Protein backbone atom coordinates (compact mmCIF):
# COMPACT_ATOMS: atom_id res chain seq x y z
CA MET A 1 16.19 -132.22 124.88
CA GLN A 2 19.25 -132.43 127.39
CA ILE A 3 21.49 -129.37 127.12
CA ARG A 4 24.83 -129.15 128.96
CA SER A 5 25.21 -125.43 129.61
CA ILE A 6 28.81 -124.79 130.32
CA ASN A 7 29.82 -121.45 132.19
CA ARG A 8 33.22 -120.27 131.17
CA ARG A 9 34.49 -120.05 134.78
CA CYS A 10 34.00 -123.61 135.66
CA PHE A 11 34.65 -125.12 132.24
CA LEU A 12 38.29 -125.54 132.79
CA LYS A 13 39.04 -128.19 130.21
CA SER A 14 38.09 -125.78 127.40
CA SER A 15 40.94 -123.29 128.50
CA ALA A 16 43.42 -124.63 125.87
CA ALA A 17 40.74 -124.58 123.13
CA PHE A 18 39.86 -120.99 124.12
CA GLY A 19 43.40 -119.96 123.80
CA ALA A 20 42.99 -120.27 120.01
CA LEU A 21 40.87 -117.23 120.31
CA GLY A 22 43.93 -115.20 121.25
CA SER A 23 45.56 -113.97 124.39
CA TYR A 24 45.74 -110.19 124.00
CA ARG A 25 44.94 -108.20 126.96
CA VAL A 26 43.66 -104.53 126.58
CA HIS A 27 42.87 -102.35 129.39
CA GLY A 28 41.51 -99.17 127.90
CA GLN A 29 43.44 -96.72 125.50
CA GLN A 30 47.19 -97.03 125.70
CA PRO A 31 50.02 -94.39 125.09
CA GLN A 32 50.72 -94.65 121.41
CA SER A 33 52.43 -93.18 118.37
CA GLU A 34 51.00 -89.98 116.65
CA PHE A 35 50.79 -92.17 113.51
CA ALA A 36 48.67 -94.89 114.87
CA PRO A 37 44.91 -95.09 114.95
CA VAL A 38 43.40 -94.47 118.40
CA TYR A 39 41.32 -97.10 119.91
CA VAL A 40 38.65 -96.29 122.66
CA ASP A 41 36.64 -98.76 124.68
CA GLY A 42 33.48 -99.76 123.18
CA VAL A 43 30.32 -101.60 124.19
CA LYS A 44 30.42 -105.39 125.18
CA ARG A 45 27.69 -107.17 123.31
CA LEU A 46 27.02 -111.02 123.42
CA TRP A 47 26.98 -112.93 120.08
CA LYS A 48 25.72 -116.62 119.68
CA VAL A 49 27.25 -118.92 117.02
CA GLY A 50 26.31 -122.55 116.33
CA LEU A 51 24.04 -125.14 114.78
CA THR A 52 20.69 -126.53 115.62
CA LEU A 53 20.19 -129.88 113.64
CA ALA A 54 16.89 -131.90 113.78
CA ALA A 55 16.47 -135.49 112.41
CA PRO A 56 12.61 -135.70 111.89
CA ALA A 57 12.67 -138.61 109.45
CA GLY A 58 15.49 -140.72 110.51
CA PHE A 59 18.79 -140.76 112.43
CA CYS A 60 21.66 -138.83 111.08
CA ALA A 61 25.29 -140.20 111.44
CA ASN A 62 28.78 -138.74 111.51
CA VAL A 63 27.83 -134.97 111.46
CA TYR A 64 30.56 -132.51 111.04
CA PHE A 65 30.12 -128.75 111.30
CA THR A 66 32.47 -125.85 111.29
CA ALA A 67 31.88 -122.04 111.55
CA ASN A 68 33.96 -118.96 111.94
CA VAL A 69 33.97 -117.34 115.34
CA PRO A 70 35.12 -113.91 116.51
CA ALA A 71 38.69 -113.69 117.78
CA ASN A 72 40.91 -111.33 119.79
CA TRP A 73 42.52 -108.68 117.76
CA LYS A 74 45.18 -106.63 119.82
CA SER A 75 43.93 -103.21 120.65
CA GLU A 76 40.79 -103.69 118.46
CA GLN A 77 38.67 -106.51 119.75
CA VAL A 78 38.41 -108.48 123.02
CA VAL A 79 36.55 -111.80 122.99
CA LYS A 80 35.58 -113.98 125.76
CA VAL A 81 33.58 -117.18 125.75
CA ALA A 82 30.39 -116.45 127.86
CA ASN A 83 28.50 -119.75 127.70
CA GLU A 84 28.74 -123.12 125.74
CA GLN A 85 25.62 -125.06 125.15
CA PHE A 86 25.85 -128.59 123.80
CA THR A 87 23.26 -131.30 123.70
CA ARG A 88 24.57 -134.91 124.49
CA HIS A 89 24.80 -135.61 120.83
CA VAL A 90 28.06 -133.69 120.48
CA GLY A 91 30.89 -136.17 120.78
CA GLN A 92 33.89 -133.74 120.25
CA TYR A 93 34.38 -129.91 119.57
CA LYS A 94 37.54 -127.74 119.42
CA TYR A 95 38.58 -124.41 118.17
CA ARG A 96 40.94 -124.21 115.07
CA ASP A 97 43.30 -121.41 114.10
CA GLY A 98 43.84 -120.62 110.47
CA LEU A 99 46.05 -118.16 108.56
CA ASN A 100 45.33 -114.38 108.77
CA GLY A 101 43.57 -114.55 112.06
CA LEU A 102 40.89 -117.08 110.91
CA LYS A 103 39.20 -118.68 113.90
CA GLN A 104 36.75 -121.65 113.71
CA ILE A 105 34.87 -123.91 115.81
CA LEU A 106 34.78 -127.59 114.78
CA VAL A 107 31.87 -129.85 116.04
CA PHE A 108 31.43 -133.64 115.63
CA MET A 109 28.26 -135.58 116.38
CA PRO A 110 28.59 -139.35 116.18
CA GLN A 111 24.72 -139.80 115.79
CA VAL A 112 21.54 -137.88 116.28
CA PRO A 113 18.59 -140.39 116.58
CA ILE A 114 15.35 -139.88 114.72
CA ARG A 115 13.05 -137.23 116.32
CA HIS A 116 15.86 -135.70 118.10
CA THR A 117 17.17 -132.03 118.06
CA ALA A 118 21.01 -131.61 118.50
CA MET A 119 22.44 -128.17 119.49
CA ALA A 120 26.00 -126.74 119.48
CA HIS A 121 25.72 -123.20 120.52
CA VAL A 122 28.60 -120.88 121.86
CA THR A 123 27.92 -117.24 123.23
CA PHE A 124 30.87 -114.88 123.06
CA GLU A 125 31.21 -111.60 124.84
CA VAL A 126 32.82 -109.21 122.37
CA GLU A 127 33.91 -105.81 122.84
CA ARG A 128 34.62 -103.82 119.60
CA LYS A 129 37.09 -100.80 120.04
CA ILE A 130 35.92 -97.50 118.51
CA VAL A 131 38.57 -96.46 116.08
CA THR A 132 39.50 -92.91 115.27
CA ALA A 133 42.09 -91.50 112.68
CA PRO A 134 45.59 -90.75 113.77
CA GLN A 135 46.80 -87.35 114.78
CA ASN A 136 49.63 -87.24 112.11
CA LYS A 137 48.36 -88.66 108.62
CA GLU A 138 50.67 -86.76 106.26
CA ALA A 139 53.90 -88.77 107.28
CA LEU A 140 52.27 -92.08 106.75
CA LYS A 141 53.30 -94.11 103.59
CA VAL A 142 53.89 -97.35 101.97
CA THR A 143 57.54 -98.59 101.59
CA PRO A 144 58.90 -101.65 99.70
CA ASP A 145 59.89 -102.95 103.25
CA LEU A 146 56.62 -104.53 104.22
CA PRO A 147 56.16 -107.58 106.58
CA ARG A 148 55.61 -110.86 104.86
CA GLU A 149 52.05 -111.12 106.39
CA VAL A 150 51.18 -107.67 105.08
CA ARG A 151 52.57 -108.30 101.47
CA PHE A 152 49.86 -111.05 101.41
CA PHE A 153 47.38 -108.39 101.10
CA LEU A 154 48.88 -107.15 97.70
CA GLY A 155 48.10 -110.44 96.22
CA MET A 156 45.29 -111.83 94.10
CA SER A 157 41.87 -112.71 95.77
CA PRO A 158 38.76 -114.08 94.33
CA LEU A 159 36.98 -111.28 92.55
CA ILE A 160 39.68 -108.80 93.33
CA GLU A 161 42.12 -108.21 90.51
CA ASN A 162 45.41 -106.91 91.86
CA ARG A 163 47.29 -106.55 88.52
CA ASN A 164 45.06 -105.07 85.89
CA ALA A 165 46.20 -102.28 83.46
CA LEU A 166 42.82 -100.88 83.24
CA LEU A 167 42.33 -100.56 87.05
CA LEU A 168 46.06 -99.33 87.39
CA LYS A 169 45.62 -96.67 84.85
CA LYS A 170 42.32 -95.40 86.61
CA ALA A 171 44.00 -95.58 90.07
CA ASN A 172 46.94 -93.49 88.84
CA GLU A 173 44.63 -90.92 87.28
CA ILE A 174 42.47 -90.71 90.60
CA THR A 175 45.53 -90.16 92.68
CA ALA A 176 47.57 -87.97 90.31
CA ASP A 177 47.37 -84.91 92.66
CA ALA A 178 47.74 -86.47 95.85
CA ALA A 179 50.22 -84.85 98.24
CA ASN A 180 50.85 -88.16 100.30
CA ASP A 181 49.97 -91.67 100.59
CA TRP A 182 47.06 -90.99 102.98
CA GLN A 183 45.58 -88.61 100.47
CA ARG A 184 46.11 -91.15 97.64
CA VAL A 185 43.88 -93.75 99.52
CA GLU A 186 41.44 -91.07 100.40
CA LEU A 187 41.04 -89.91 96.85
CA ILE A 188 40.37 -93.60 95.81
CA TYR A 189 37.93 -93.90 98.55
CA ASP A 190 35.89 -90.88 97.65
CA TRP A 191 36.10 -91.67 93.85
CA VAL A 192 34.37 -95.10 94.51
CA ARG A 193 31.76 -93.64 96.71
CA GLU A 194 31.02 -90.91 94.34
CA ASN A 195 31.08 -92.83 90.87
CA ILE A 196 30.17 -96.24 91.52
CA MET A 197 26.42 -96.72 92.42
CA TYR A 198 25.28 -98.93 95.33
CA GLN A 199 22.70 -101.42 93.91
CA ASN A 200 21.65 -104.95 95.34
CA GLY A 201 22.29 -107.83 93.10
CA PRO A 202 24.71 -110.73 92.40
CA ARG A 203 28.35 -109.99 93.05
CA LYS A 204 30.51 -109.10 90.09
CA GLY A 205 33.85 -108.58 91.42
CA ALA A 206 36.19 -105.44 91.18
CA LEU A 207 36.94 -105.12 87.38
CA ALA A 208 33.26 -105.89 86.47
CA THR A 209 32.04 -103.41 88.93
CA PHE A 210 34.29 -100.67 87.59
CA ARG A 211 33.33 -101.39 84.11
CA ALA A 212 29.41 -101.46 84.96
CA GLY A 213 29.61 -98.40 87.21
CA PHE A 214 27.53 -100.11 89.83
CA GLY A 215 27.66 -103.02 92.31
CA GLU A 216 26.47 -104.17 95.55
CA LYS A 217 28.29 -103.41 98.88
CA GLU A 218 30.82 -106.17 98.73
CA ASP A 219 31.61 -105.09 95.11
CA LEU A 220 32.31 -101.47 96.21
CA THR A 221 34.72 -102.85 99.01
CA SER A 222 36.42 -105.14 96.32
CA LEU A 223 36.92 -102.28 93.86
CA PHE A 224 38.47 -100.07 96.48
CA ILE A 225 40.76 -102.94 97.56
CA ALA A 226 41.72 -103.54 93.89
CA PHE A 227 42.67 -99.92 93.25
CA CYS A 228 44.89 -99.88 96.37
CA ARG A 229 46.62 -103.16 95.50
CA ASN A 230 47.26 -102.10 91.93
CA LEU A 231 49.08 -99.25 93.51
CA LYS A 232 50.97 -101.60 95.93
CA ILE A 233 49.08 -100.34 98.99
CA PRO A 234 47.97 -103.25 100.91
CA ALA A 235 44.19 -103.53 101.59
CA ARG A 236 41.80 -106.18 102.68
CA THR A 237 38.13 -106.84 103.60
CA VAL A 238 36.73 -107.03 107.00
CA TRP A 239 33.80 -109.16 107.59
CA VAL A 240 31.03 -108.42 110.24
CA PRO A 241 27.66 -109.94 110.54
CA GLU A 242 25.57 -109.15 107.28
CA HIS A 243 28.19 -106.58 106.32
CA ASN A 244 31.76 -105.83 105.12
CA TYR A 245 34.10 -103.00 104.87
CA ALA A 246 37.68 -102.23 103.73
CA GLU A 247 41.05 -101.70 105.61
CA PHE A 248 44.24 -100.29 104.18
CA TYR A 249 47.91 -100.40 105.52
CA LEU A 250 50.24 -97.45 105.87
CA GLN A 251 53.56 -96.99 107.78
CA ALA A 252 55.02 -94.52 110.05
CA PRO A 253 58.51 -92.93 109.45
CA ASP A 254 60.05 -95.66 111.75
CA ARG A 255 58.42 -98.43 109.45
CA GLN A 256 55.84 -99.44 111.97
CA GLY A 257 52.58 -100.17 109.90
CA TYR A 258 49.04 -99.70 110.99
CA TRP A 259 45.65 -100.84 109.51
CA PHE A 260 43.02 -98.26 108.96
CA PRO A 261 39.26 -98.90 108.40
CA CYS A 262 36.97 -97.40 105.87
CA GLU A 263 33.22 -97.66 104.94
CA LEU A 264 32.45 -97.89 101.32
CA SER A 265 28.64 -98.01 101.63
CA GLY A 266 26.46 -95.99 103.87
CA ARG A 267 27.96 -93.02 106.06
CA ARG A 268 31.21 -91.71 105.14
CA SER A 269 33.82 -93.12 107.43
CA PHE A 270 37.46 -92.93 106.28
CA GLY A 271 40.26 -94.00 108.67
CA GLU A 272 37.91 -94.48 111.67
CA MET A 273 35.06 -96.85 112.61
CA ASN A 274 32.29 -97.12 115.17
CA ASP A 275 30.60 -100.49 114.68
CA ASN A 276 29.78 -102.80 117.51
CA ARG A 277 29.41 -105.80 115.40
CA PRO A 278 32.17 -108.33 115.86
CA MET A 279 35.03 -108.63 113.26
CA LEU A 280 34.63 -112.21 112.04
CA LEU A 281 37.20 -112.26 109.52
CA ARG A 282 40.11 -109.96 108.04
CA GLY A 283 41.02 -110.91 104.57
CA ASP A 284 39.39 -112.22 101.26
CA ASN A 285 41.57 -115.13 100.36
CA PHE A 286 41.30 -118.04 102.87
CA LYS A 287 42.28 -121.73 102.61
CA VAL A 288 40.27 -124.31 104.72
CA PRO A 289 40.53 -128.11 104.52
CA GLU A 290 36.95 -128.44 103.80
CA LYS A 291 37.24 -126.44 100.62
CA PRO A 292 39.50 -127.20 97.52
CA GLU A 293 39.46 -123.57 96.10
CA PRO A 294 40.39 -120.27 97.98
CA GLN A 295 37.55 -118.66 99.93
CA ARG A 296 36.58 -114.91 99.92
CA PHE A 297 34.55 -115.54 103.18
CA VAL A 298 34.62 -118.68 105.20
CA ALA A 299 31.07 -119.73 105.64
CA GLU A 300 29.41 -122.31 107.87
CA HIS A 301 30.30 -126.02 106.68
CA LEU A 302 27.98 -128.99 107.32
CA LYS A 303 28.57 -132.78 106.26
CA VAL A 304 26.37 -135.49 107.17
CA LYS A 305 27.87 -138.76 106.03
CA GLY A 306 25.16 -141.22 107.05
CA GLY A 307 21.40 -141.63 107.68
CA SER A 308 18.55 -139.16 106.53
CA LYS A 309 18.48 -135.63 105.53
CA PRO A 310 18.55 -133.19 108.60
CA GLN A 311 16.71 -129.95 109.28
CA VAL A 312 19.30 -127.40 109.86
CA ARG A 313 19.50 -124.00 111.33
CA PHE A 314 22.91 -122.10 111.42
CA ILE A 315 23.06 -119.69 114.45
CA ARG A 316 24.91 -116.27 114.07
CA GLU A 317 22.80 -113.64 116.19
CA TYR A 318 23.00 -110.99 118.74
CA VAL A 319 21.89 -111.91 122.15
CA GLN A 320 20.39 -109.59 124.65
CA ALA A 321 22.11 -109.62 128.09
């Protein structure tokens, strides 16, 4: 199997494509507002994303593959392409920008002959920043003056009911004694962790999880987000490999807004996060050309238009340096 291994420093023609990953430059912790989350340098790790496709019984023609990839997020995540490995079967590839920070790699293989194995692997160096809570939480609040891109996270998402009388009533009950908006969100957070049992199983969605009193980790995140959105507090899902957590949005007195993370399953972590897995997606309502309906999570997509059925392995794994 012939592999083209492309080092980032010498692969100049991919620079335009790599620009789709973002162009933020972060040099350690910067001076910032007392209302902002604090970002501290984290550990750099290598993550490989891609596809291995074998054609054992016959040729495969017009193979089209997409996958989400880690992207730069200002102050929070720094991503560089460390290595690209493509066999000669790969005819074209590029990176695609989507809404709400979605980044994907698109790969096209004209043909994979019988008994050949094709490969399209990209290794990313990812530094996740450690997030700690702001110094001044009490003055943070939500106002009607939200940026358009933030108002999107008050809307409906698959399995997250944003306008539901039952959820709104319960959210108001939970937060009745809150002294400020930070405390409102924290009361919701603690209520979900203390009253909804974590249990593996099929996804149910926010409302069904509330009624059942249990759900898997994605359901716990969805219920927290649904409570927030019913109270007109922007919230969204953050997807990392094999896991997810939530973020909520509050504004400083000068209307500058910030996203704050919180972990609904496992160790209590509210307004802070120490997770070295790459952020893959931030949101829970994505639209991509390959799917007719909105997607909670943009998974790998593979289409083979001609020939035999391939053997396929999607790659998304940590690589030791």
